[in-house]
Protein backbone atom coordinates (compact mmCIF):
# COMPACT_ATOMS: atom_id res chain seq x y z
CA UNK A 1 5.80 -20.17 5.35
CA UNK A 2 5.53 -24.23 5.41
CA UNK A 3 4.28 -26.08 8.51
CA UNK A 4 7.39 -27.51 9.44
CA UNK A 5 9.09 -24.13 9.35
CA UNK A 6 6.05 -22.42 11.28
CA UNK A 7 6.39 -25.30 13.89
CA UNK A 8 9.87 -24.64 14.71
CA UNK A 9 9.68 -20.72 14.78
CA UNK A 10 6.52 -21.44 17.41
CA UNK A 11 8.76 -23.81 19.42
CA UNK A 12 11.69 -20.96 19.24
CA UNK A 13 9.48 -18.44 20.42
CA UNK A 14 7.94 -20.38 23.08
CA UNK A 15 11.71 -20.92 24.48
CA UNK A 16 12.88 -17.45 24.16
CA UNK A 17 9.79 -15.85 25.70
CA UNK A 18 11.09 -16.83 29.01
CA UNK A 19 14.75 -15.89 28.84
CA UNK A 20 14.91 -13.11 26.30
CA UNK A 21 11.88 -11.70 25.15
CA UNK A 22 13.45 -8.13 24.06
CA UNK A 23 15.53 -10.07 21.64
CA UNK A 24 12.62 -12.54 20.91
CA UNK A 25 10.84 -9.21 19.76
CA UNK A 26 13.58 -7.82 17.53
CA UNK A 27 13.78 -11.41 15.91
CA UNK A 28 10.07 -11.28 15.35
CA UNK A 29 10.23 -8.09 13.92
CA UNK A 30 12.96 -8.81 11.36
CA UNK A 31 10.67 -11.98 10.31
CA UNK A 32 7.45 -9.70 10.12
CA UNK A 33 9.32 -7.32 7.58
CA UNK A 34 11.13 -10.14 5.67
CA UNK A 35 10.15 -9.59 2.05
CA UNK A 36 10.01 -12.49 -0.69
CA UNK A 37 13.22 -13.31 -2.68
CA UNK A 38 12.69 -11.56 -5.80
CA UNK A 39 14.67 -14.37 -7.71
CA UNK A 40 12.09 -16.90 -6.77
CA UNK A 41 9.35 -16.04 -9.28
CA UNK A 42 6.72 -18.17 -10.36
CA UNK A 43 5.74 -19.03 -13.93
CA UNK A 44 2.79 -16.92 -13.73
CA UNK A 45 4.95 -13.93 -12.36
CA UNK A 46 7.52 -14.33 -15.25
CA UNK A 47 4.95 -14.26 -17.65
CA UNK A 48 3.55 -11.17 -15.98
CA UNK A 49 6.67 -9.39 -15.98
CA UNK A 50 7.45 -10.25 -19.84
CA UNK A 51 4.31 -8.96 -20.91
CA UNK A 52 4.77 -5.68 -18.78
CA UNK A 53 8.38 -5.17 -20.41
CA UNK A 54 7.59 -2.52 -23.34
CA UNK A 55 5.36 -1.09 -20.99
CA UNK A 56 7.91 -0.34 -18.45
CA UNK A 57 10.40 0.63 -20.90
CA UNK A 58 8.24 3.39 -21.61
CA UNK A 59 9.06 5.12 -18.40
CA UNK A 60 12.17 6.98 -17.19
CA UNK A 61 13.91 4.98 -14.33
CA UNK A 62 15.11 7.01 -11.36
CA UNK A 63 17.48 5.35 -8.61
CA UNK A 64 16.83 7.04 -5.23
CA UNK A 65 18.50 6.77 -1.61
CA UNK A 66 16.99 6.98 1.73
CA UNK A 67 18.61 6.18 4.91
CA UNK A 68 17.40 2.99 4.49
CA UNK A 69 18.84 2.24 1.01
CA UNK A 70 17.88 2.51 -2.36
CA UNK A 71 14.72 2.06 -4.30
CA UNK A 72 13.51 2.80 -7.65
CA UNK A 73 10.73 5.25 -9.07
CA UNK A 74 9.16 5.14 -12.68
CA UNK A 75 8.05 8.36 -14.27
CA UNK A 76 5.33 7.48 -16.78
CA UNK A 77 4.34 10.62 -19.16
CA UNK A 78 2.46 10.30 -22.44
CA UNK A 79 4.08 11.68 -25.36
CA UNK A 80 4.06 15.57 -25.57
CA UNK A 81 2.58 15.81 -22.06
CA UNK A 82 4.48 18.20 -19.87
CA UNK A 83 6.67 16.71 -17.21
CA UNK A 84 5.82 19.69 -14.83
CA UNK A 85 2.20 19.08 -14.92
CA UNK A 86 -0.10 17.15 -12.40
CA UNK A 87 1.35 14.05 -10.93
CA UNK A 88 -0.24 10.88 -9.42
CA UNK A 89 1.94 9.13 -7.03
CA UNK A 90 1.19 5.04 -7.59
CA UNK A 91 2.25 2.64 -5.01
CA UNK A 92 2.11 -1.37 -5.07
CA UNK A 93 1.30 -3.72 -1.92
CA UNK A 94 3.04 -6.60 -0.38
CA UNK A 95 4.51 -9.25 -2.99
CA UNK A 96 3.92 -6.76 -5.65
CA UNK A 97 5.65 -4.33 -7.92
CA UNK A 98 5.11 -1.39 -10.36
CA UNK A 99 4.13 -3.82 -13.18
CA UNK A 100 1.03 -5.19 -11.18
CA UNK A 101 -0.16 -1.37 -11.01
CA UNK A 102 -0.10 -1.15 -14.94
CA UNK A 103 -3.78 -0.78 -15.47
CA UNK A 104 -4.22 1.88 -12.80
CA UNK A 105 -1.14 3.69 -14.13
CA UNK A 106 -2.27 3.47 -17.99
CA UNK A 107 -6.05 4.62 -16.78
CA UNK A 108 -4.01 7.87 -15.31
CA UNK A 109 -2.13 8.57 -18.06
CA UNK A 110 -5.36 8.28 -20.38
CA UNK A 111 -6.43 11.25 -17.80
CA UNK A 112 -3.47 13.17 -18.84
CA UNK A 113 -1.55 12.96 -15.57
CA UNK A 114 2.06 12.38 -15.02
CA UNK A 115 2.49 9.37 -13.09
CA UNK A 116 5.43 8.47 -10.72
CA UNK A 117 5.25 4.44 -9.68
CA UNK A 118 7.56 3.42 -6.98
CA UNK A 119 9.29 -0.09 -6.17
CA UNK A 120 8.94 -0.31 -2.31
CA UNK A 121 11.92 -1.27 -0.48
CA UNK A 122 12.30 -4.93 -0.60
CA UNK A 123 10.31 -5.42 -3.92
CA UNK A 124 10.81 -5.13 -7.68
CA UNK A 125 14.26 -3.37 -8.12
CA UNK A 126 14.50 -1.87 -4.81
CA UNK A 127 17.33 -3.20 -2.81
CA UNK A 128 16.71 -5.18 0.58
CA UNK A 129 14.54 -7.86 2.06
CA UNK A 130 12.78 -5.73 4.32
CA UNK A 131 9.56 -3.78 4.14
CA UNK A 132 8.04 -1.42 6.95
CA UNK A 133 6.09 1.48 7.37
CA UNK A 134 9.13 3.52 8.32
CA UNK A 135 11.52 2.72 5.12
CA UNK A 136 8.30 3.12 2.91
CA UNK A 137 7.20 6.44 4.01
CA UNK A 138 10.90 7.29 3.60
CA UNK A 139 10.80 6.10 0.07
CA UNK A 140 7.68 7.98 -0.33
CA UNK A 141 9.22 11.21 0.91
CA UNK A 142 12.23 10.95 -1.31
CA UNK A 143 10.01 10.20 -4.63
CA UNK A 144 7.92 13.58 -3.86
CA UNK A 145 11.19 15.47 -3.10
CA UNK A 146 12.69 14.53 -6.57
CA UNK A 147 9.58 13.90 -8.82
CA UNK A 148 6.79 15.35 -6.75
CA UNK A 149 4.88 17.27 -5.99
CA UNK A 150 1.98 14.92 -6.15
CA UNK A 151 -1.68 16.05 -6.71
CA UNK A 152 -3.16 12.34 -5.69
CA UNK A 153 -1.77 9.27 -4.30
CA UNK A 154 -3.32 5.53 -5.40
CA UNK A 155 -2.03 2.92 -3.46
CA UNK A 156 -3.20 -0.88 -3.41
CA UNK A 157 -2.95 -3.30 -0.41
CA UNK A 158 -0.07 -2.03 2.03
CA UNK A 159 0.62 0.72 -0.59
CA UNK A 160 -2.60 2.49 0.09
CA UNK A 161 -1.60 2.68 3.72
CA UNK A 162 1.73 3.90 3.07
CA UNK A 163 0.41 6.75 0.97
CA UNK A 164 -1.94 7.36 4.04
CA UNK A 165 1.03 7.45 6.53
CA UNK A 166 3.11 9.81 4.12
CA UNK A 167 0.34 12.24 4.02
CA UNK A 168 -0.31 12.33 7.93
CA UNK A 169 3.23 12.40 8.89
CA UNK A 170 2.50 9.10 11.21
CA UNK A 171 6.70 8.24 10.89
CA UNK A 172 8.29 11.41 13.03
CA UNK A 173 11.31 11.88 11.06
CA UNK A 174 9.71 11.79 7.99
CA UNK A 175 7.98 15.09 7.12
CA UNK A 176 4.55 14.67 5.57
CA UNK A 177 3.67 15.04 1.74
CA UNK A 178 1.05 17.18 0.50
CA UNK A 179 -1.80 15.13 -1.49
CA UNK A 180 -5.10 16.71 -2.52
CA UNK A 181 -6.90 13.47 -2.52
CA UNK A 182 -6.30 9.81 -1.98
CA UNK A 183 -7.35 6.41 -3.53
CA UNK A 184 -6.91 3.07 -1.42
CA UNK A 185 -7.64 -0.09 -3.27
CA UNK A 186 -7.92 -3.22 -1.00
CA UNK A 187 -5.99 -1.48 1.73
CA UNK A 188 -5.87 -2.52 5.58
CA UNK A 189 -7.12 -0.30 8.37
CA UNK A 190 -5.37 -1.43 11.31
CA UNK A 191 -1.65 -2.31 11.77
CA UNK A 192 -2.20 -3.18 15.30
CA UNK A 193 -4.52 -5.95 14.29
CA UNK A 194 -1.93 -7.23 11.81
CA UNK A 195 0.74 -7.31 14.41
CA UNK A 196 -1.57 -9.26 16.61
CA UNK A 197 -2.78 -11.54 13.84
CA UNK A 198 0.98 -12.21 13.29
CA UNK A 199 1.82 -12.60 16.84
CA UNK A 200 -0.92 -15.51 17.29
CA UNK A 201 0.16 -17.35 14.23
CA UNK A 202 3.98 -17.51 15.31
CA UNK A 203 3.28 -18.11 18.76
CA UNK A 204 4.69 -15.31 20.44
CA UNK A 205 4.02 -14.78 24.10
CA UNK A 206 3.18 -11.60 26.03
CA UNK A 207 6.35 -10.38 26.78
CA UNK A 208 7.82 -10.92 23.03
CA UNK A 209 4.44 -9.42 21.62
CA UNK A 210 4.97 -6.38 23.69
CA UNK A 211 8.69 -6.30 22.35
CA UNK A 212 7.76 -6.88 19.10
CA UNK A 213 5.33 -3.87 18.90
CA UNK A 214 7.52 -1.91 20.93
CA UNK A 215 9.72 -1.79 17.68
CA UNK A 216 7.24 0.19 15.93
CA UNK A 217 7.64 3.28 18.17
CA UNK A 218 11.76 3.07 18.07
CA UNK A 219 11.67 3.11 14.54
CA UNK A 220 8.75 5.16 13.53
CA UNK A 221 8.45 7.46 16.81
CA UNK A 222 5.15 6.85 17.34
CA UNK A 223 3.00 3.94 19.01
CA UNK A 224 1.51 0.86 17.16
CA UNK A 225 -1.78 2.00 18.57
CA UNK A 226 -1.66 4.94 16.31
CA UNK A 227 -1.66 3.25 13.11
CA UNK A 228 -5.13 2.80 12.52
CA UNK A 229 -6.31 4.06 9.06
CA UNK A 230 -9.74 5.40 10.26
CA UNK A 231 -8.12 7.58 12.92
CA UNK A 232 -5.61 8.74 10.15
CA UNK A 233 -8.19 9.53 7.71
CA UNK A 234 -10.28 11.68 10.21
CA UNK A 235 -7.06 13.86 10.51
CA UNK A 236 -6.28 13.76 6.78
CA UNK A 237 -9.46 15.37 5.78
CA UNK A 238 -8.95 15.40 2.25
CA UNK A 239 -11.17 13.58 -0.32
CA UNK A 240 -10.40 9.83 -0.21
CA UNK A 241 -11.87 7.05 -2.35
CA UNK A 242 -11.80 3.56 -1.09
CA UNK A 243 -12.32 0.63 -3.48
CA UNK A 244 -12.44 -3.09 -2.02
CA UNK A 245 -13.95 -6.23 -3.01
CA UNK A 246 -16.65 -7.38 -0.27
CA UNK A 247 -15.04 -11.16 -0.59
CA UNK A 248 -11.60 -10.16 -0.03
CA UNK A 249 -9.87 -12.95 1.80
CA UNK A 250 -6.49 -10.68 2.70
CA UNK A 251 -8.12 -7.49 3.93
CA UNK A 252 -11.79 -7.93 5.29
CA UNK A 253 -14.67 -5.74 4.03
CA UNK A 254 -14.86 -4.65 7.78
CA UNK A 255 -11.46 -2.44 7.22
CA UNK A 256 -13.17 -0.54 4.40
CA UNK A 257 -16.29 -0.04 6.23
CA UNK A 258 -14.32 1.17 9.21
CA UNK A 259 -12.10 3.74 7.23
CA UNK A 260 -15.31 4.83 5.20
CA UNK A 261 -16.90 6.04 8.48
CA UNK A 262 -13.88 8.58 9.25
CA UNK A 263 -16.01 11.36 7.67
CA UNK A 264 -17.79 12.57 4.60
CA UNK A 265 -14.75 13.24 2.89
CA UNK A 266 -14.43 9.39 2.52
CA UNK A 267 -16.25 7.84 -0.21
CA UNK A 268 -16.55 3.76 -0.52
CA UNK A 269 -16.91 1.94 -3.61
CA UNK A 270 -17.74 -1.85 -3.70
CA UNK A 271 -15.91 -4.11 -6.39
CA UNK A 272 -17.79 -7.29 -5.96
CA UNK A 273 -16.38 -10.58 -7.36
CA UNK A 274 -12.83 -9.37 -7.61
CA UNK A 275 -10.89 -10.26 -4.48
CA UNK A 276 -7.51 -8.81 -3.17
CA UNK A 277 -5.36 -9.18 -6.29
CA UNK A 278 -7.69 -9.50 -9.15
CA UNK A 279 -9.20 -5.90 -8.31
CA UNK A 280 -5.81 -4.67 -9.77
CA UNK A 281 -6.64 -5.94 -13.33
CA UNK A 282 -10.53 -4.74 -13.46
CA UNK A 283 -10.33 -2.01 -16.01
CA UNK A 284 -13.67 -0.39 -14.20
CA UNK A 285 -11.53 -0.20 -11.20
CA UNK A 286 -8.55 1.35 -12.82
CA UNK A 287 -10.92 3.91 -14.63
CA UNK A 288 -12.90 4.71 -11.15
CA UNK A 289 -9.43 5.67 -9.80
CA UNK A 290 -8.43 7.86 -12.38
CA UNK A 291 -11.73 9.44 -12.46
CA UNK A 292 -11.58 10.33 -9.04
CA UNK A 293 -8.30 11.77 -9.32
CA UNK A 294 -9.33 14.01 -12.22
CA UNK A 295 -12.48 14.94 -10.92
CA UNK A 296 -13.33 17.60 -8.14
CA UNK A 297 -16.90 16.50 -6.74
CA UNK A 298 -19.15 18.79 -4.57
CA UNK A 299 -19.69 15.59 -2.26
CA UNK A 300 -18.12 12.24 -2.02
CA UNK A 301 -20.00 9.11 -3.59
CA UNK A 302 -20.60 6.17 -1.93
CA UNK A 303 -21.67 3.21 -4.24
CA UNK A 304 -20.45 0.04 -6.20
CA UNK A 305 -18.87 -0.11 -9.04
CA UNK A 306 -21.31 -1.05 -11.85
CA UNK A 307 -22.46 -3.98 -13.71
CA UNK A 308 -20.68 -5.12 -17.08
CA UNK A 309 -23.45 -2.98 -19.28
CA UNK A 310 -22.30 0.39 -17.28
CA UNK A 311 -18.91 -0.29 -15.52
CA UNK A 312 -18.81 2.91 -14.03
CA UNK A 313 -22.50 3.20 -13.10
CA UNK A 314 -22.95 4.00 -9.12
CA UNK A 315 -25.91 2.26 -7.20
CA UNK A 316 -26.51 1.78 -3.50
CA UNK A 317 -24.62 -1.25 -1.84
CA UNK A 318 -26.70 -4.02 -0.20
């Protein structure tokens, strides 16, 4: 959002706060959930999609429908592999799509998994221009019904939060999916904090902010305060791996530490120097996620993804 647009929006919210805060809250929610125009792609994005074209053609493409609209799921299997074998669900983050998850998908395929990757609402080949937790969780549930069950889920950024919420049943009208383990890469811990940061950025007053947050309970049947990853992980209790770059500028490292403190079933692996998006292209990160999905360790491992000479070595974080 450019400076002029932000200035106009802040002025608009400042005015409506005093006369129609509930209307302003609904408008703020629409703005918060608005996804980028899929037709407006940078040269870099077009290049990434072109490079992934042959890879994406390997997948069976499924068009699935929820009450919120259609979305696309991709089913990847190695040649000769059984389609009824163990499956892993892969979810991208905000402003992303399945093509960006290619390194993770390839690492999982190398481990013999069947992989189902979803273009979440408003992204990739999915319909609409809106993404929020209820429509994302509904998409995951539909994918599980038609293409599951899933043994593990691997999600990047918002996709990691979606996987956790789908497994814990935070959206009241959508039954939880069964997962034996979970990998969250650069994922946020606190949706309430994200809503507060958004409200501050666009200049919401207290009544409009309350109306915005009330939209979450209206759609999900659960108050916004419940959407805390650390609290949800305590209830989830299945082995979970969190991979995070300490210098991530979009999702602070404090989020990873908060979720890692949820219990002994949660492991934390630091990926220094990779940031929020480059972490997806790192071979060691993809390999760690696939290793975790394939293994059944007796206890969680906490540490860092190692140096270049030994990319999977664990050592204590500083």
